[in-house]
Amino acid sequence: MSRLRRAGQDQRQFALDDRTIDRCQLSALITGRATQPDQRLKIEFRLWNVAKGQQRLGEQYFTQPEQ
C-alpha cells in the first residue's frame, strides 16, 4: 500500500491502495486547504509523488480577502 504523509501540526495520513493507483494510472496527488487564521486568507497545497510516497512540492500563500 502506498502511503503519503503530510507534515505539520495536524499531521494526517493519506493512504491509497495499489489497485486504485493502477486503475486510475495515478502518478501524482495534490492536497490543499484554505484557512483564515487572522485577517488574511492562507492557501496551502502539496504535490505528492504517489509511486514514491514523497512530497514533491509544497507552497503556501497569503492574501487579503476582498471587502
PDB file of N, CA and C in Angstrom:
ATOM      1  N   MET A   1       0.844  -1.170   0.000  1.00  0.00           N
ATOM      2  CA  MET A   1       0.000   0.000   0.000  1.00  0.00           C
ATOM      3  C   MET A   1       0.894   1.241   0.000  1.00  0.00           C
ATOM      4  N   SER A   2       0.590   2.189  -0.841  1.00  0.00           N
ATOM      5  CA  SER A   2       1.330   3.444  -0.874  1.00  0.00           C
ATOM      6  C   SER A   2       0.816   4.360   0.222  1.00  0.00           C
ATOM      7  N   ARG A   3       1.713   4.996   0.911  1.00  0.00           N
ATOM      8  CA  ARG A   3       1.310   5.907   1.990  1.00  0.00           C
ATOM      9  C   ARG A   3       1.979   7.258   1.788  1.00  0.00           C
ATOM     10  N   LEU A   4       1.188   8.294   1.935  1.00  0.00           N
ATOM     11  CA  LEU A   4       1.688   9.655   1.850  1.00  0.00           C
ATOM     12  C   LEU A   4       1.381  10.339   3.168  1.00  0.00           C
ATOM     13  N   ARG A   5       2.325  11.066   3.691  1.00  0.00           N
ATOM     14  CA  ARG A   5       2.115  11.763   4.962  1.00  0.00           C
ATOM     15  C   ARG A   5       2.284  13.255   4.748  1.00  0.00           C
ATOM     16  N   ARG A   6       1.460  14.007   5.421  1.00  0.00           N
ATOM     17  CA  ARG A   6       1.561  15.460   5.379  1.00  0.00           C
ATOM     18  C   ARG A   6       2.085  15.915   6.731  1.00  0.00           C
ATOM     19  N   ALA A   7       3.213  16.589   6.723  1.00  0.00           N
ATOM     20  CA  ALA A   7       3.803  17.072   7.968  1.00  0.00           C
ATOM     21  C   ALA A   7       3.088  18.335   8.412  1.00  0.00           C
ATOM     22  N   GLY A   8       3.117  18.586   9.670  1.00  0.00           N
ATOM     23  CA  GLY A   8       2.520  19.809  10.192  1.00  0.00           C
ATOM     24  C   GLY A   8       1.861  19.545  11.527  1.00  0.00           C
ATOM     25  N   GLN A   9       1.249  20.582  12.069  1.00  0.00           N
ATOM     26  CA  GLN A   9       0.617  20.467  13.372  1.00  0.00           C
ATOM     27  C   GLN A   9      -0.515  19.452  13.363  1.00  0.00           C
ATOM     28  N   ASP A  10      -1.259  19.413  12.273  1.00  0.00           N
ATOM     29  CA  ASP A  10      -2.385  18.476  12.195  1.00  0.00           C
ATOM     30  C   ASP A  10      -2.052  17.378  11.198  1.00  0.00           C
ATOM     31  N   GLN A  11      -0.981  16.665  11.470  1.00  0.00           N
ATOM     32  CA  GLN A  11      -0.499  15.643  10.544  1.00  0.00           C
ATOM     33  C   GLN A  11      -1.587  14.614  10.273  1.00  0.00           C
ATOM     34  N   ARG A  12      -1.803  14.356   9.006  1.00  0.00           N
ATOM     35  CA  ARG A  12      -2.782  13.352   8.586  1.00  0.00           C
ATOM     36  C   ARG A  12      -2.097  12.366   7.670  1.00  0.00           C
ATOM     37  N   GLN A  13      -2.678  11.231   7.541  1.00  0.00           N
ATOM     38  CA  GLN A  13      -2.107  10.191   6.696  1.00  0.00           C
ATOM     39  C   GLN A  13      -3.036   9.957   5.518  1.00  0.00           C
ATOM     40  N   PHE A  14      -2.455   9.935   4.334  1.00  0.00           N
ATOM     41  CA  PHE A  14      -3.215   9.645   3.130  1.00  0.00           C
ATOM     42  C   PHE A  14      -2.821   8.243   2.685  1.00  0.00           C
ATOM     43  N   ALA A  15      -3.790   7.407   2.445  1.00  0.00           N
ATOM     44  CA  ALA A  15      -3.495   6.046   2.023  1.00  0.00           C
ATOM     45  C   ALA A  15      -4.264   5.734   0.746  1.00  0.00           C
ATOM     46  N   LEU A  16      -3.550   5.226  -0.233  1.00  0.00           N
ATOM     47  CA  LEU A  16      -4.149   4.798  -1.490  1.00  0.00           C
ATOM     48  C   LEU A  16      -3.698   3.367  -1.731  1.00  0.00           C
ATOM     49  N   ASP A  17      -4.652   2.496  -2.030  1.00  0.00           N
ATOM     50  CA  ASP A  17      -4.220   1.131  -2.308  1.00  0.00           C
ATOM     51  C   ASP A  17      -3.704   1.043  -3.745  1.00  0.00           C
ATOM     52  N   ASP A  18      -2.867   0.043  -3.987  1.00  0.00           N
ATOM     53  CA  ASP A  18      -2.215  -0.097  -5.289  1.00  0.00           C
ATOM     54  C   ASP A  18      -3.209  -0.295  -6.427  1.00  0.00           C
ATOM     55  N   ARG A  19      -4.350  -0.928  -6.153  1.00  0.00           N
ATOM     56  CA  ARG A  19      -5.358  -1.119  -7.209  1.00  0.00           C
ATOM     57  C   ARG A  19      -5.922   0.214  -7.667  1.00  0.00           C
ATOM     58  N   THR A  20      -6.147   1.130  -6.738  1.00  0.00           N
ATOM     59  CA  THR A  20      -6.657   2.458  -7.097  1.00  0.00           C
ATOM     60  C   THR A  20      -5.632   3.201  -7.937  1.00  0.00           C
ATOM     61  N   ILE A  21      -4.380   3.132  -7.545  1.00  0.00           N
ATOM     62  CA  ILE A  21      -3.311   3.803  -8.294  1.00  0.00           C
ATOM     63  C   ILE A  21      -3.225   3.232  -9.702  1.00  0.00           C
ATOM     64  N   ASP A  22      -3.240   1.904  -9.823  1.00  0.00           N
ATOM     65  CA  ASP A  22      -3.148   1.270 -11.142  1.00  0.00           C
ATOM     66  C   ASP A  22      -4.364   1.580 -12.006  1.00  0.00           C
ATOM     67  N   ARG A  23      -5.554   1.498 -11.434  1.00  0.00           N
ATOM     68  CA  ARG A  23      -6.779   1.711 -12.199  1.00  0.00           C
ATOM     69  C   ARG A  23      -6.850   3.141 -12.712  1.00  0.00           C
ATOM     70  N   CYS A  24      -6.439   4.085 -11.914  1.00  0.00           N
ATOM     71  CA  CYS A  24      -6.510   5.498 -12.298  1.00  0.00           C
ATOM     72  C   CYS A  24      -5.238   5.971 -12.979  1.00  0.00           C
ATOM     73  N   GLN A  25      -4.241   5.106 -13.050  1.00  0.00           N
ATOM     74  CA  GLN A  25      -2.928   5.478 -13.565  1.00  0.00           C
ATOM     75  C   GLN A  25      -2.447   6.740 -12.851  1.00  0.00           C
ATOM     76  N   LEU A  26      -2.609   6.729 -11.548  1.00  0.00           N
ATOM     77  CA  LEU A  26      -2.293   7.865 -10.704  1.00  0.00           C
ATOM     78  C   LEU A  26      -0.802   7.931 -10.444  1.00  0.00           C
ATOM     79  N   SER A  27      -0.184   9.063 -10.786  1.00  0.00           N
ATOM     80  CA  SER A  27       1.237   9.244 -10.503  1.00  0.00           C
ATOM     81  C   SER A  27       1.473  10.423  -9.568  1.00  0.00           C
ATOM     82  N   ALA A  28       0.471  11.289  -9.433  1.00  0.00           N
ATOM     83  CA  ALA A  28       0.619  12.459  -8.561  1.00  0.00           C
ATOM     84  C   ALA A  28      -0.705  12.741  -7.864  1.00  0.00           C
ATOM     85  N   LEU A  29      -0.616  13.381  -6.714  1.00  0.00           N
ATOM     86  CA  LEU A  29      -1.788  13.745  -5.937  1.00  0.00           C
ATOM     87  C   LEU A  29      -1.556  15.138  -5.375  1.00  0.00           C
ATOM     88  N   ILE A  30      -2.563  15.998  -5.465  1.00  0.00           N
ATOM     89  CA  ILE A  30      -2.480  17.335  -4.883  1.00  0.00           C
ATOM     90  C   ILE A  30      -3.433  17.408  -3.703  1.00  0.00           C
ATOM     91  N   THR A  31      -2.913  17.869  -2.565  1.00  0.00           N
ATOM     92  CA  THR A  31      -3.747  18.108  -1.391  1.00  0.00           C
ATOM     93  C   THR A  31      -3.613  19.578  -1.022  1.00  0.00           C
ATOM     94  N   GLY A  32      -4.645  20.109  -0.414  1.00  0.00           N
ATOM     95  CA  GLY A  32      -4.555  21.515  -0.039  1.00  0.00           C
ATOM     96  C   GLY A  32      -5.695  21.945   0.841  1.00  0.00           C
ATOM     97  N   ARG A  33      -5.594  23.192   1.289  1.00  0.00           N
ATOM     98  CA  ARG A  33      -6.655  23.748   2.109  1.00  0.00           C
ATOM     99  C   ARG A  33      -6.538  25.270   2.109  1.00  0.00           C
ATOM    100  N   ALA A  34      -7.630  25.888   2.467  1.00  0.00           N
ATOM    101  CA  ALA A  34      -7.687  27.341   2.634  1.00  0.00           C
ATOM    102  C   ALA A  34      -8.203  27.621   4.033  1.00  0.00           C
ATOM    103  N   THR A  35      -7.520  28.490   4.760  1.00  0.00           N
ATOM    104  CA  THR A  35      -7.920  28.860   6.109  1.00  0.00           C
ATOM    105  C   THR A  35      -7.812  30.368   6.265  1.00  0.00           C
ATOM    106  N   GLN A  36      -8.372  30.873   7.330  1.00  0.00           N
ATOM    107  CA  GLN A  36      -8.256  32.292   7.634  1.00  0.00           C
ATOM    108  C   GLN A  36      -7.838  32.434   9.102  1.00  0.00           C
ATOM    109  N   PRO A  37      -6.525  32.281   9.376  1.00  0.00           N
ATOM    110  CA  PRO A  37      -6.045  32.315  10.752  1.00  0.00           C
ATOM    111  C   PRO A  37      -6.108  33.707  11.391  1.00  0.00           C
ATOM    112  N   ASP A  38      -6.140  34.727  10.578  1.00  0.00           N
ATOM    113  CA  ASP A  38      -6.259  36.101  11.064  1.00  0.00           C
ATOM    114  C   ASP A  38      -7.050  36.887  10.020  1.00  0.00           C
ATOM    115  N   GLN A  39      -6.670  38.087   9.728  1.00  0.00           N
ATOM    116  CA  GLN A  39      -7.391  38.895   8.733  1.00  0.00           C
ATOM    117  C   GLN A  39      -7.029  38.513   7.302  1.00  0.00           C
ATOM    118  N   ARG A  40      -6.074  37.626   7.137  1.00  0.00           N
ATOM    119  CA  ARG A  40      -5.637  37.206   5.802  1.00  0.00           C
ATOM    120  C   ARG A  40      -6.149  35.799   5.486  1.00  0.00           C
ATOM    121  N   LEU A  41      -6.233  35.493   4.207  1.00  0.00           N
ATOM    122  CA  LEU A  41      -6.515  34.125   3.769  1.00  0.00           C
ATOM    123  C   LEU A  41      -5.190  33.402   3.590  1.00  0.00           C
ATOM    124  N   LYS A  42      -5.149  32.151   4.004  1.00  0.00           N
ATOM    125  CA  LYS A  42      -3.958  31.327   3.851  1.00  0.00           C
ATOM    126  C   LYS A  42      -4.321  30.144   2.955  1.00  0.00           C
ATOM    127  N   ILE A  43      -3.608  30.005   1.851  1.00  0.00           N
ATOM    128  CA  ILE A  43      -3.822  28.910   0.908  1.00  0.00           C
ATOM    129  C   ILE A  43      -2.577  28.040   0.929  1.00  0.00           C
ATOM    130  N   GLU A  44      -2.767  26.737   1.149  1.00  0.00           N
ATOM    131  CA  GLU A  44      -1.639  25.800   1.185  1.00  0.00           C
ATOM    132  C   GLU A  44      -1.920  24.642   0.234  1.00  0.00           C
ATOM    133  N   PHE A  45      -0.876  24.141  -0.411  1.00  0.00           N
ATOM    134  CA  PHE A  45      -1.027  22.916  -1.195  1.00  0.00           C
ATOM    135  C   PHE A  45       0.275  22.142  -1.194  1.00  0.00           C
ATOM    136  N   ARG A  46       0.126  20.855  -1.437  1.00  0.00           N
ATOM    137  CA  ARG A  46       1.280  19.960  -1.564  1.00  0.00           C
ATOM    138  C   ARG A  46       1.057  19.050  -2.768  1.00  0.00           C
ATOM    139  N   LEU A  47       2.122  18.802  -3.491  1.00  0.00           N
ATOM    140  CA  LEU A  47       2.110  17.887  -4.629  1.00  0.00           C
ATOM    141  C   LEU A  47       2.909  16.659  -4.223  1.00  0.00           C
ATOM    142  N   TRP A  48       2.280  15.497  -4.344  1.00  0.00           N
ATOM    143  CA  TRP A  48       2.887  14.240  -3.918  1.00  0.00           C
ATOM    144  C   TRP A  48       3.224  13.361  -5.117  1.00  0.00           C
ATOM    145  N   ASN A  49       4.363  12.685  -5.055  1.00  0.00           N
ATOM    146  CA  ASN A  49       4.710  11.619  -5.982  1.00  0.00           C
ATOM    147  C   ASN A  49       4.138  10.345  -5.372  1.00  0.00           C
ATOM    148  N   VAL A  50       3.094   9.828  -5.964  1.00  0.00           N
ATOM    149  CA  VAL A  50       2.377   8.682  -5.392  1.00  0.00           C
ATOM    150  C   VAL A  50       3.241   7.428  -5.387  1.00  0.00           C
ATOM    151  N   ALA A  51       3.953   7.170  -6.462  1.00  0.00           N
ATOM    152  CA  ALA A  51       4.749   5.947  -6.554  1.00  0.00           C
ATOM    153  C   ALA A  51       5.818   5.882  -5.466  1.00  0.00           C
ATOM    154  N   LYS A  52       6.430   7.019  -5.163  1.00  0.00           N
ATOM    155  CA  LYS A  52       7.491   7.049  -4.157  1.00  0.00           C
ATOM    156  C   LYS A  52       6.978   7.405  -2.772  1.00  0.00           C
ATOM    157  N   GLY A  53       5.732   7.894  -2.684  1.00  0.00           N
ATOM    158  CA  GLY A  53       5.189   8.302  -1.400  1.00  0.00           C
ATOM    159  C   GLY A  53       5.913   9.501  -0.820  1.00  0.00           C
ATOM    160  N   GLN A  54       6.392  10.387  -1.696  1.00  0.00           N
ATOM    161  CA  GLN A  54       7.160  11.541  -1.256  1.00  0.00           C
ATOM    162  C   GLN A  54       6.515  12.841  -1.719  1.00  0.00           C
ATOM    163  N   GLN A  55       6.705  13.861  -0.914  1.00  0.00           N
ATOM    164  CA  GLN A  55       6.239  15.195  -1.309  1.00  0.00           C
ATOM    165  C   GLN A  55       7.195  15.763  -2.350  1.00  0.00           C
ATOM    166  N   ARG A  56       6.635  16.275  -3.439  1.00  0.00           N
ATOM    167  CA  ARG A  56       7.445  16.874  -4.494  1.00  0.00           C
ATOM    168  C   ARG A  56       7.527  18.389  -4.356  1.00  0.00           C
ATOM    169  N   LEU A  57       6.443  18.989  -3.875  1.00  0.00           N
ATOM    170  CA  LEU A  57       6.371  20.440  -3.814  1.00  0.00           C
ATOM    171  C   LEU A  57       5.377  20.822  -2.735  1.00  0.00           C
ATOM    172  N   GLY A  58       5.641  21.889  -2.043  1.00  0.00           N
ATOM    173  CA  GLY A  58       4.711  22.418  -1.061  1.00  0.00           C
ATOM    174  C   GLY A  58       4.803  23.932  -1.056  1.00  0.00           C
ATOM    175  N   GLU A  59       3.673  24.593  -1.117  1.00  0.00           N
ATOM    176  CA  GLU A  59       3.646  26.058  -1.158  1.00  0.00           C
ATOM    177  C   GLU A  59       2.541  26.565  -0.242  1.00  0.00           C
ATOM    178  N   GLN A  60       2.711  27.789   0.236  1.00  0.00           N
ATOM    179  CA  GLN A  60       1.633  28.464   0.954  1.00  0.00           C
ATOM    180  C   GLN A  60       1.658  29.940   0.536  1.00  0.00           C
ATOM    181  N   TYR A  61       0.453  30.482   0.449  1.00  0.00           N
ATOM    182  CA  TYR A  61       0.290  31.873   0.026  1.00  0.00           C
ATOM    183  C   TYR A  61      -0.669  32.568   0.977  1.00  0.00           C
ATOM    184  N   PHE A  62      -0.436  33.855   1.170  1.00  0.00           N
ATOM    185  CA  PHE A  62      -1.323  34.690   1.985  1.00  0.00           C
ATOM    186  C   PHE A  62      -1.836  35.825   1.127  1.00  0.00           C
ATOM    187  N   THR A  63      -3.090  36.212   1.359  1.00  0.00           N
ATOM    188  CA  THR A  63      -3.673  37.339   0.649  1.00  0.00           C
ATOM    189  C   THR A  63      -4.757  37.984   1.519  1.00  0.00           C
ATOM    190  N   GLN A  64      -5.080  39.203   1.205  1.00  0.00           N
ATOM    191  CA  GLN A  64      -6.168  39.911   1.892  1.00  0.00           C
ATOM    192  C   GLN A  64      -7.471  39.602   1.177  1.00  0.00           C
ATOM    193  N   PRO A  65      -8.512  39.222   1.900  1.00  0.00           N
ATOM    194  CA  PRO A  65      -9.811  38.994   1.242  1.00  0.00           C
ATOM    195  C   PRO A  65     -10.385  40.315   0.729  1.00  0.00           C
ATOM    196  N   GLU A  66     -11.138  40.239  -0.348  1.00  0.00           N
ATOM    197  CA  GLU A  66     -11.788  41.436  -0.880  1.00  0.00           C
ATOM    198  C   GLU A  66     -12.877  41.884   0.058  1.00  0.00           C
ATOM    199  N   GLN A  67     -13.072  43.164   0.144  1.00  0.00           N
ATOM    200  CA  GLN A  67     -14.105  43.736   1.021  1.00  0.00           C
ATOM    201  C   GLN A  67     -15.436  43.792   0.322  1.00  0.00           C
TER     202      GLN A  67
END
